[in-house]
Protein backbone atom coordinates (compact mmCIF):
# COMPACT_ATOMS: atom_id res chain seq x y z
CA UNK A 1 -227.57 -14.36 -112.44
CA UNK A 2 -225.80 -11.88 -110.14
CA UNK A 3 -224.41 -12.91 -106.77
CA UNK A 4 -225.39 -11.20 -103.54
CA UNK A 5 -223.11 -8.30 -102.61
CA UNK A 6 -221.08 -8.72 -99.39
CA UNK A 7 -222.47 -7.09 -96.27
CA UNK A 8 -219.96 -4.88 -94.43
CA UNK A 9 -220.17 -3.97 -90.74
CA UNK A 10 -217.72 -1.65 -89.01
CA UNK A 11 -216.75 -1.75 -85.33
CA UNK A 12 -215.55 1.28 -83.42
CA UNK A 13 -212.47 -0.51 -82.05
CA UNK A 14 -209.89 -2.92 -83.39
CA UNK A 15 -210.82 -6.59 -83.36
CA UNK A 16 -209.53 -10.08 -84.12
CA UNK A 17 -212.10 -12.33 -82.37
CA UNK A 18 -214.93 -13.81 -84.44
CA UNK A 19 -217.22 -16.81 -83.80
CA UNK A 20 -220.29 -18.32 -85.42
CA UNK A 21 -223.17 -18.72 -82.97
CA UNK A 22 -224.33 -22.33 -82.72
CA UNK A 23 -226.70 -24.02 -80.30
CA UNK A 24 -229.26 -25.26 -82.81
CA UNK A 25 -230.32 -21.84 -84.07
CA UNK A 26 -231.68 -21.48 -87.60
CA UNK A 27 -230.58 -17.84 -87.76
CA UNK A 28 -227.30 -16.68 -89.27
CA UNK A 29 -225.56 -15.24 -86.21
CA UNK A 30 -221.98 -14.13 -85.70
CA UNK A 31 -220.26 -12.81 -82.59
CA UNK A 32 -217.38 -10.31 -82.58
CA UNK A 33 -215.26 -9.02 -79.68
CA UNK A 34 -213.33 -5.74 -79.54
CA UNK A 35 -209.81 -4.87 -78.41
CA UNK A 36 -209.41 -1.52 -76.68
CA UNK A 37 -207.03 -0.57 -73.87
CA UNK A 38 -208.77 2.76 -73.20
CA UNK A 39 -212.49 2.03 -73.37
CA UNK A 40 -214.77 -0.74 -72.13
CA UNK A 41 -214.71 -3.58 -74.62
CA UNK A 42 -217.80 -4.97 -76.27
CA UNK A 43 -219.32 -8.14 -77.68
CA UNK A 44 -221.33 -7.54 -80.88
CA UNK A 45 -224.00 -10.11 -81.72
CA UNK A 46 -224.89 -9.78 -85.40
CA UNK A 47 -227.94 -11.31 -87.05
CA UNK A 48 -228.10 -11.48 -90.84
CA UNK A 49 -231.63 -10.90 -92.14
CA UNK A 50 -231.67 -13.25 -95.11
CA UNK A 51 -234.70 -11.49 -96.65
CA UNK A 52 -233.28 -7.96 -96.67
CA UNK A 53 -229.54 -8.73 -96.42
CA UNK A 54 -229.21 -6.32 -93.47
CA UNK A 55 -227.19 -6.96 -90.31
CA UNK A 56 -229.06 -6.40 -87.04
CA UNK A 57 -226.89 -5.92 -83.99
CA UNK A 58 -226.94 -6.25 -80.23
CA UNK A 59 -224.01 -4.82 -78.27
CA UNK A 60 -222.99 -6.14 -74.84
CA UNK A 61 -220.45 -4.76 -72.41
CA UNK A 62 -217.34 -6.94 -71.81
CA UNK A 63 -215.57 -5.21 -68.89
CA UNK A 64 -213.16 -8.10 -68.25
CA UNK A 65 -210.69 -6.79 -70.86
CA UNK A 66 -209.74 -6.74 -74.53
CA UNK A 67 -211.08 -9.80 -76.34
CA UNK A 68 -208.52 -12.05 -78.02
CA UNK A 69 -210.69 -15.06 -78.84
CA UNK A 70 -214.34 -16.11 -78.88
CA UNK A 71 -216.00 -19.53 -79.12
CA UNK A 72 -219.67 -20.49 -78.82
CA UNK A 73 -221.37 -23.41 -77.13
CA UNK A 74 -222.60 -26.06 -79.59
CA UNK A 75 -225.75 -26.68 -77.53
CA UNK A 76 -226.80 -23.34 -75.98
CA UNK A 77 -226.87 -20.28 -78.22
CA UNK A 78 -226.58 -17.93 -75.21
CA UNK A 79 -223.36 -19.41 -73.82
CA UNK A 80 -219.89 -18.58 -75.11
CA UNK A 81 -216.28 -18.32 -73.96
CA UNK A 82 -213.86 -15.46 -74.31
CA UNK A 83 -210.12 -15.14 -73.87
CA UNK A 84 -209.18 -11.66 -72.77
CA UNK A 85 -206.21 -9.59 -71.67
CA UNK A 86 -206.19 -8.02 -68.23
CA UNK A 87 -203.68 -6.39 -65.91
CA UNK A 88 -202.52 -8.35 -62.88
CA UNK A 89 -199.87 -6.90 -60.57
CA UNK A 90 -198.65 -4.53 -63.26
CA UNK A 91 -198.34 -7.15 -66.01
CA UNK A 92 -200.72 -8.24 -68.75
CA UNK A 93 -202.21 -11.73 -68.55
CA UNK A 94 -204.49 -13.72 -70.84
CA UNK A 95 -207.43 -15.21 -68.94
CA UNK A 96 -210.55 -17.09 -70.05
CA UNK A 97 -214.15 -17.32 -68.87
CA UNK A 98 -217.54 -18.68 -69.84
CA UNK A 99 -220.35 -16.15 -70.24
CA UNK A 100 -224.08 -16.01 -70.80
CA UNK A 101 -225.84 -13.41 -72.89
CA UNK A 102 -228.24 -11.28 -70.82
CA UNK A 103 -231.94 -10.66 -71.41
CA UNK A 104 -232.51 -8.20 -74.22
CA UNK A 105 -234.00 -5.51 -71.98
CA UNK A 106 -231.15 -5.39 -69.40
CA UNK A 107 -228.67 -2.50 -69.37
CA UNK A 108 -225.78 -1.26 -67.27
CA UNK A 109 -224.54 2.28 -66.65
CA UNK A 110 -223.00 2.51 -70.12
CA UNK A 111 -226.29 1.67 -71.86
CA UNK A 112 -224.97 -1.68 -73.12
CA UNK A 113 -226.34 -4.85 -71.50
CA UNK A 114 -223.82 -6.59 -69.26
CA UNK A 115 -222.80 -10.22 -69.67
CA UNK A 116 -223.18 -12.78 -66.90
CA UNK A 117 -219.97 -14.63 -66.07
CA UNK A 118 -220.78 -18.28 -65.42
CA UNK A 119 -217.27 -19.33 -64.47
CA UNK A 120 -213.61 -18.41 -64.89
CA UNK A 121 -211.37 -21.04 -66.46
CA UNK A 122 -208.36 -21.57 -64.21
CA UNK A 123 -205.04 -22.67 -65.74
CA UNK A 124 -201.34 -22.59 -64.96
CA UNK A 125 -200.58 -20.55 -68.09
CA UNK A 126 -202.08 -17.74 -70.10
CA UNK A 127 -204.95 -19.09 -72.24
CA UNK A 128 -204.92 -17.69 -75.79
CA UNK A 129 -207.91 -19.60 -77.16
CA UNK A 130 -210.65 -21.99 -76.07
CA UNK A 131 -212.55 -24.61 -78.09
CA UNK A 132 -215.85 -26.18 -77.01
CA UNK A 133 -216.23 -29.92 -77.25
CA UNK A 134 -218.14 -30.60 -80.45
CA UNK A 135 -220.76 -33.13 -79.33
CA UNK A 136 -222.43 -31.75 -76.21
CA UNK A 137 -220.20 -28.89 -75.07
CA UNK A 138 -219.44 -30.66 -71.78
CA UNK A 139 -215.69 -29.98 -72.08
CA UNK A 140 -213.52 -27.04 -73.04
CA UNK A 141 -210.05 -27.19 -74.53
CA UNK A 142 -207.74 -24.32 -73.60
CA UNK A 143 -204.54 -23.46 -75.44
CA UNK A 144 -201.71 -22.23 -73.23
CA UNK A 145 -198.15 -21.34 -74.10
CA UNK A 146 -196.75 -24.86 -73.74
CA UNK A 147 -199.65 -27.06 -72.68
CA UNK A 148 -203.29 -27.84 -73.34
CA UNK A 149 -205.86 -27.72 -70.55
CA UNK A 150 -209.13 -29.63 -70.66
CA UNK A 151 -211.99 -28.65 -68.35
CA UNK A 152 -215.07 -30.77 -67.64
CA UNK A 153 -217.86 -28.29 -67.15
CA UNK A 154 -221.20 -28.05 -65.42
CA UNK A 155 -222.27 -24.49 -66.17
CA UNK A 156 -225.54 -25.10 -64.36
CA UNK A 157 -223.63 -25.28 -61.07
CA UNK A 158 -221.12 -22.66 -62.19
CA UNK A 159 -217.99 -24.67 -61.42
CA UNK A 160 -215.32 -26.64 -63.18
CA UNK A 161 -215.23 -30.26 -62.03
CA UNK A 162 -211.99 -31.55 -63.54
CA UNK A 163 -208.99 -29.86 -65.11
CA UNK A 164 -206.09 -31.73 -66.69
CA UNK A 165 -202.94 -30.44 -68.39
CA UNK A 166 -201.27 -32.01 -71.44
CA UNK A 167 -197.66 -30.84 -72.03
CA UNK A 168 -196.65 -30.25 -75.64
CA UNK A 169 -193.00 -30.95 -76.47
CA UNK A 170 -191.11 -28.40 -78.53
CA UNK A 171 -188.52 -25.69 -78.38
CA UNK A 172 -188.43 -23.81 -75.10
CA UNK A 173 -189.12 -20.46 -76.78
CA UNK A 174 -191.95 -21.76 -78.97
CA UNK A 175 -195.61 -21.40 -78.06
CA UNK A 176 -198.79 -23.18 -79.05
CA UNK A 177 -200.78 -21.30 -81.66
CA UNK A 178 -204.05 -23.21 -81.75
CA UNK A 179 -205.85 -26.50 -81.24
CA UNK A 180 -208.95 -28.31 -82.52
CA UNK A 181 -211.09 -31.21 -81.40
CA UNK A 182 -211.06 -34.25 -83.67
CA UNK A 183 -214.73 -34.79 -84.65
CA UNK A 184 -214.13 -38.41 -85.71
CA UNK A 185 -212.89 -39.88 -82.43
CA UNK A 186 -215.90 -39.18 -80.19
CA UNK A 187 -214.01 -36.10 -79.03
CA UNK A 188 -211.35 -38.20 -77.34
CA UNK A 189 -208.61 -36.67 -79.51
CA UNK A 190 -207.34 -33.13 -80.04
CA UNK A 191 -204.72 -31.68 -82.37
CA UNK A 192 -202.45 -28.77 -81.54
CA UNK A 193 -200.22 -26.49 -83.61
CA UNK A 194 -196.82 -26.80 -81.92
CA UNK A 195 -194.27 -24.52 -83.59
CA UNK A 196 -193.83 -25.93 -87.13
CA UNK A 197 -195.53 -29.25 -86.28
CA UNK A 198 -199.02 -30.57 -85.57
CA UNK A 199 -199.40 -33.05 -82.75
CA UNK A 200 -202.42 -35.22 -81.98
CA UNK A 201 -203.16 -36.16 -78.38
CA UNK A 202 -205.41 -38.88 -76.94
CA UNK A 203 -207.27 -37.37 -73.98
CA UNK A 204 -207.96 -40.78 -72.48
CA UNK A 205 -204.30 -41.21 -71.60
CA UNK A 206 -202.87 -37.73 -72.19
CA UNK A 207 -200.26 -39.09 -74.60
CA UNK A 208 -199.29 -38.14 -78.13
CA UNK A 209 -201.17 -40.27 -80.68
CA UNK A 210 -199.72 -38.99 -83.96
CA UNK A 211 -197.71 -36.11 -85.37
CA UNK A 212 -197.26 -34.18 -88.61
CA UNK A 213 -193.67 -33.00 -88.64
CA UNK A 214 -192.76 -29.75 -90.40
CA UNK A 215 -196.31 -28.98 -91.45
CA UNK A 216 -195.14 -25.40 -92.03
CA UNK A 217 -191.68 -24.17 -92.92
CA UNK A 218 -191.93 -21.34 -90.36
CA UNK A 219 -194.93 -21.54 -88.00
CA UNK A 220 -198.32 -23.28 -88.02
CA UNK A 221 -201.00 -20.67 -87.27
CA UNK A 222 -204.18 -22.72 -87.56
CA UNK A 223 -205.58 -26.13 -88.41
CA UNK A 224 -208.95 -27.74 -89.07
CA UNK A 225 -210.23 -31.30 -89.43
CA UNK A 226 -212.34 -32.25 -92.41
CA UNK A 227 -215.74 -32.79 -90.70
CA UNK A 228 -216.88 -35.42 -93.21
CA UNK A 229 -213.73 -37.37 -94.00
CA UNK A 230 -211.79 -39.17 -91.30
CA UNK A 231 -208.02 -38.61 -90.98
CA UNK A 232 -207.99 -35.51 -93.22
CA UNK A 233 -206.56 -32.29 -91.82
CA UNK A 234 -205.76 -28.82 -93.20
CA UNK A 235 -203.04 -26.50 -91.88
CA UNK A 236 -201.89 -22.95 -92.62
CA UNK A 237 -199.19 -20.62 -91.39
CA UNK A 238 -196.32 -18.27 -92.00
CA UNK A 239 -195.01 -19.92 -95.17
CA UNK A 240 -198.14 -18.51 -96.92
CA UNK A 241 -199.37 -22.00 -97.79
CA UNK A 242 -202.44 -24.07 -97.01
CA UNK A 243 -201.71 -27.79 -96.83
CA UNK A 244 -203.95 -30.84 -96.69
CA UNK A 245 -202.80 -33.96 -94.84
CA UNK A 246 -203.76 -37.55 -94.22
CA UNK A 247 -202.61 -38.06 -90.62
CA UNK A 248 -202.07 -41.77 -91.33
CA UNK A 249 -199.39 -40.84 -93.91
CA UNK A 250 -198.03 -37.48 -92.73
CA UNK A 251 -194.68 -37.55 -94.55
CA UNK A 252 -195.98 -35.35 -97.39
CA UNK A 253 -199.11 -33.22 -97.87
CA UNK A 254 -201.87 -34.43 -100.15
CA UNK A 255 -202.29 -30.97 -101.64
CA UNK A 256 -200.70 -27.52 -101.25
CA UNK A 257 -202.36 -24.17 -102.00
CA UNK A 258 -200.09 -21.20 -102.69
CA UNK A 259 -202.72 -18.53 -103.35
CA UNK A 260 -201.87 -16.18 -100.47
CA UNK A 261 -198.90 -13.79 -100.45
CA UNK A 262 -198.51 -13.37 -96.66
CA UNK A 263 -199.17 -15.26 -93.43
CA UNK A 264 -202.35 -17.36 -93.46
CA UNK A 265 -204.18 -16.99 -90.15
CA UNK A 266 -207.25 -19.14 -90.63
CA UNK A 267 -208.35 -22.26 -92.52
CA UNK A 268 -211.87 -23.66 -92.25
CA UNK A 269 -213.68 -26.54 -93.95
CA UNK A 270 -217.35 -26.01 -94.75
CA UNK A 271 -219.39 -27.99 -92.20
CA UNK A 272 -221.63 -29.60 -94.84
CA UNK A 273 -219.80 -29.44 -98.18
CA UNK A 274 -216.20 -30.20 -97.29
CA UNK A 275 -214.90 -29.43 -100.79
CA UNK A 276 -215.35 -25.74 -99.86
CA UNK A 277 -212.38 -24.35 -97.89
CA UNK A 278 -212.13 -20.85 -96.43
CA UNK A 279 -208.79 -19.10 -95.74
CA UNK A 280 -207.83 -15.63 -94.50
CA UNK A 281 -204.47 -13.90 -94.50
CA UNK A 282 -202.41 -10.83 -93.71
CA UNK A 283 -202.47 -10.07 -97.44
CA UNK A 284 -205.94 -8.55 -96.66
CA UNK A 285 -207.75 -11.26 -98.65
CA UNK A 286 -210.23 -14.02 -97.89
CA UNK A 287 -210.24 -16.89 -100.38
CA UNK A 288 -212.90 -19.49 -101.07
CA UNK A 289 -211.26 -22.54 -102.62
CA UNK A 290 -212.45 -25.89 -103.92
CA UNK A 291 -210.61 -29.01 -102.77
CA UNK A 292 -213.12 -31.35 -104.42
CA UNK A 293 -210.51 -34.01 -105.19
CA UNK A 294 -209.98 -34.52 -101.45
CA UNK A 295 -213.56 -34.19 -100.29
CA UNK A 296 -216.04 -36.78 -99.11
CA UNK A 297 -218.28 -36.19 -102.13
CA UNK A 298 -217.47 -38.01 -105.40
CA UNK A 299 -214.98 -36.16 -107.56
CA UNK A 300 -216.94 -36.22 -110.79
CA UNK A 301 -220.07 -38.26 -111.51
CA UNK A 302 -220.66 -41.99 -111.57
CA UNK A 303 -222.19 -42.47 -115.02
CA UNK A 304 -224.52 -45.16 -116.27
CA UNK A 305 -224.17 -46.36 -119.83
CA UNK A 306 -227.12 -44.20 -120.89
CA UNK A 307 -225.76 -41.02 -119.27
CA UNK A 308 -224.25 -38.28 -121.38
CA UNK A 309 -220.68 -38.10 -120.19
CA UNK A 310 -219.60 -34.64 -121.44
CA UNK A 311 -222.72 -32.89 -120.16
CA UNK A 312 -222.42 -34.49 -116.73
CA UNK A 313 -218.69 -33.98 -116.27
CA UNK A 314 -218.87 -30.36 -117.41
CA UNK A 315 -220.98 -29.52 -114.34
CA UNK A 316 -218.62 -30.93 -111.73
CA UNK A 317 -216.76 -28.66 -109.35
CA UNK A 318 -213.03 -28.65 -110.07
CA UNK A 319 -210.19 -27.85 -107.69
CA UNK A 320 -209.10 -24.22 -107.56
CA UNK A 321 -209.98 -20.76 -106.33
CA UNK A 322 -213.72 -19.98 -106.41
CA UNK A 323 -214.02 -16.49 -104.94
CA UNK A 324 -211.86 -13.74 -103.45
CA UNK A 325 -213.06 -11.20 -100.88
CA UNK A 326 -211.02 -8.00 -101.19
CA UNK A 327 -213.21 -5.71 -99.08
CA UNK A 328 -210.73 -5.69 -96.19
CA UNK A 329 -208.02 -3.06 -95.68
CA UNK A 330 -206.03 -4.77 -92.93
CA UNK A 331 -204.87 -8.23 -91.89
CA UNK A 332 -207.77 -10.69 -91.81
CA UNK A 333 -207.27 -12.63 -88.59
CA UNK A 334 -210.51 -14.62 -88.57
CA UNK A 335 -212.95 -16.27 -90.97
CA UNK A 336 -215.83 -18.57 -90.03
CA UNK A 337 -218.67 -20.41 -91.74
CA UNK A 338 -222.20 -19.83 -90.49
CA UNK A 339 -223.47 -22.79 -88.47
CA UNK A 340 -227.01 -22.30 -89.84
CA UNK A 341 -226.43 -21.61 -93.55
CA UNK A 342 -223.70 -23.58 -95.39
CA UNK A 343 -223.49 -20.89 -98.08
CA UNK A 344 -222.70 -17.95 -95.77
CA UNK A 345 -219.39 -17.01 -94.14
CA UNK A 346 -217.90 -14.03 -92.32
CA UNK A 347 -214.40 -12.58 -92.10
CA UNK A 348 -212.89 -10.04 -89.71
CA UNK A 349 -209.89 -7.75 -90.18
CA UNK A 350 -207.90 -6.04 -87.44
CA UNK A 351 -209.32 -2.60 -88.23
CA UNK A 352 -212.73 -3.82 -87.04
CA UNK A 353 -214.31 -4.50 -90.42
CA UNK A 354 -216.59 -7.52 -90.61
CA UNK A 355 -217.59 -8.78 -94.06
CA UNK A 356 -220.41 -11.30 -94.49
CA UNK A 357 -220.21 -13.08 -97.87
CA UNK A 358 -222.01 -15.87 -99.70
CA UNK A 359 -220.79 -18.71 -101.87
CA UNK A 360 -221.32 -17.73 -105.53
CA UNK A 361 -224.59 -19.12 -106.89
CA UNK A 362 -222.83 -20.83 -109.79
CA UNK A 363 -220.69 -22.79 -107.31
CA UNK A 364 -223.72 -23.59 -105.15
CA UNK A 365 -225.65 -25.01 -108.10
CA UNK A 366 -222.72 -27.15 -109.23
CA UNK A 367 -222.59 -28.73 -105.79
CA UNK A 368 -226.34 -29.27 -105.44
CA UNK A 369 -227.15 -30.46 -108.96
């Protein structure tokens, strides 16, 4: 049985911002933002037609500036945040705002519908990325150069109610590279990539709760919590490795993947089947890997006396590389799982090429059977 061919979509401008649309939708939707210093930037909303395999697009004008990061509300499919570069007093700054998608029939002078800005996220530093709180989207986590900012939001009133800053210790010249909410602590904990380390912070007191020292030999680029298994965390970075950690015993990784040959920019657990791990790198490749031995699902089968052991164990999903996407021709800065379909994922390279791929059917059947 042949697997579905990847679907490729090309943007006119360079890009590195990709997000999966959430908000309870049953459609496979991805959002991409462009980076152009000369032309008005755009937000592309892409809908995968699962019957035909075609990508249907809507393009919206993003006049605020070149888009560095996108994130979508977990409760409202029309709301999202963007981090963007803009000129202020002759220098470039990274700002952030929350937007709403416009009605489908609205247009501006360029022919592309304009976005509605709900609020601008004020912070003391440049904001390079924003993460929505996972449960109800009532808070946003902003990543600055040396501190995290948490906003309590009421987008209905269009104002931020509370903003608090959490300083992250480290070398003076180092900068934060990313942060994630911890889904297992009622969203009272966040983790941040601080230079070569990962630090966990308790938002209730603003203090450091735990740390993973030297998670990367050079620089941690990204991290992700296992959504189904408490205390398990994955990191990636400039040492070309993907590492899995138990934050209760952070002295050594549980597992190390060495499949990439250049910086690893993104690591993502599958939201439903956490043995599936997605990574993207500057080696132009996107890898789908099995980490079944560390997942929440049983590694192997629990057999009764009457079961046939060899037949059952032969169907289990083993650790190792499952698929490799080589359709990109530039550094792949982003990769995300669809929030609606656990078997679909998208990746984005800097040259503006988006590739939508599916988990191989053989892998899917091994997990489901």
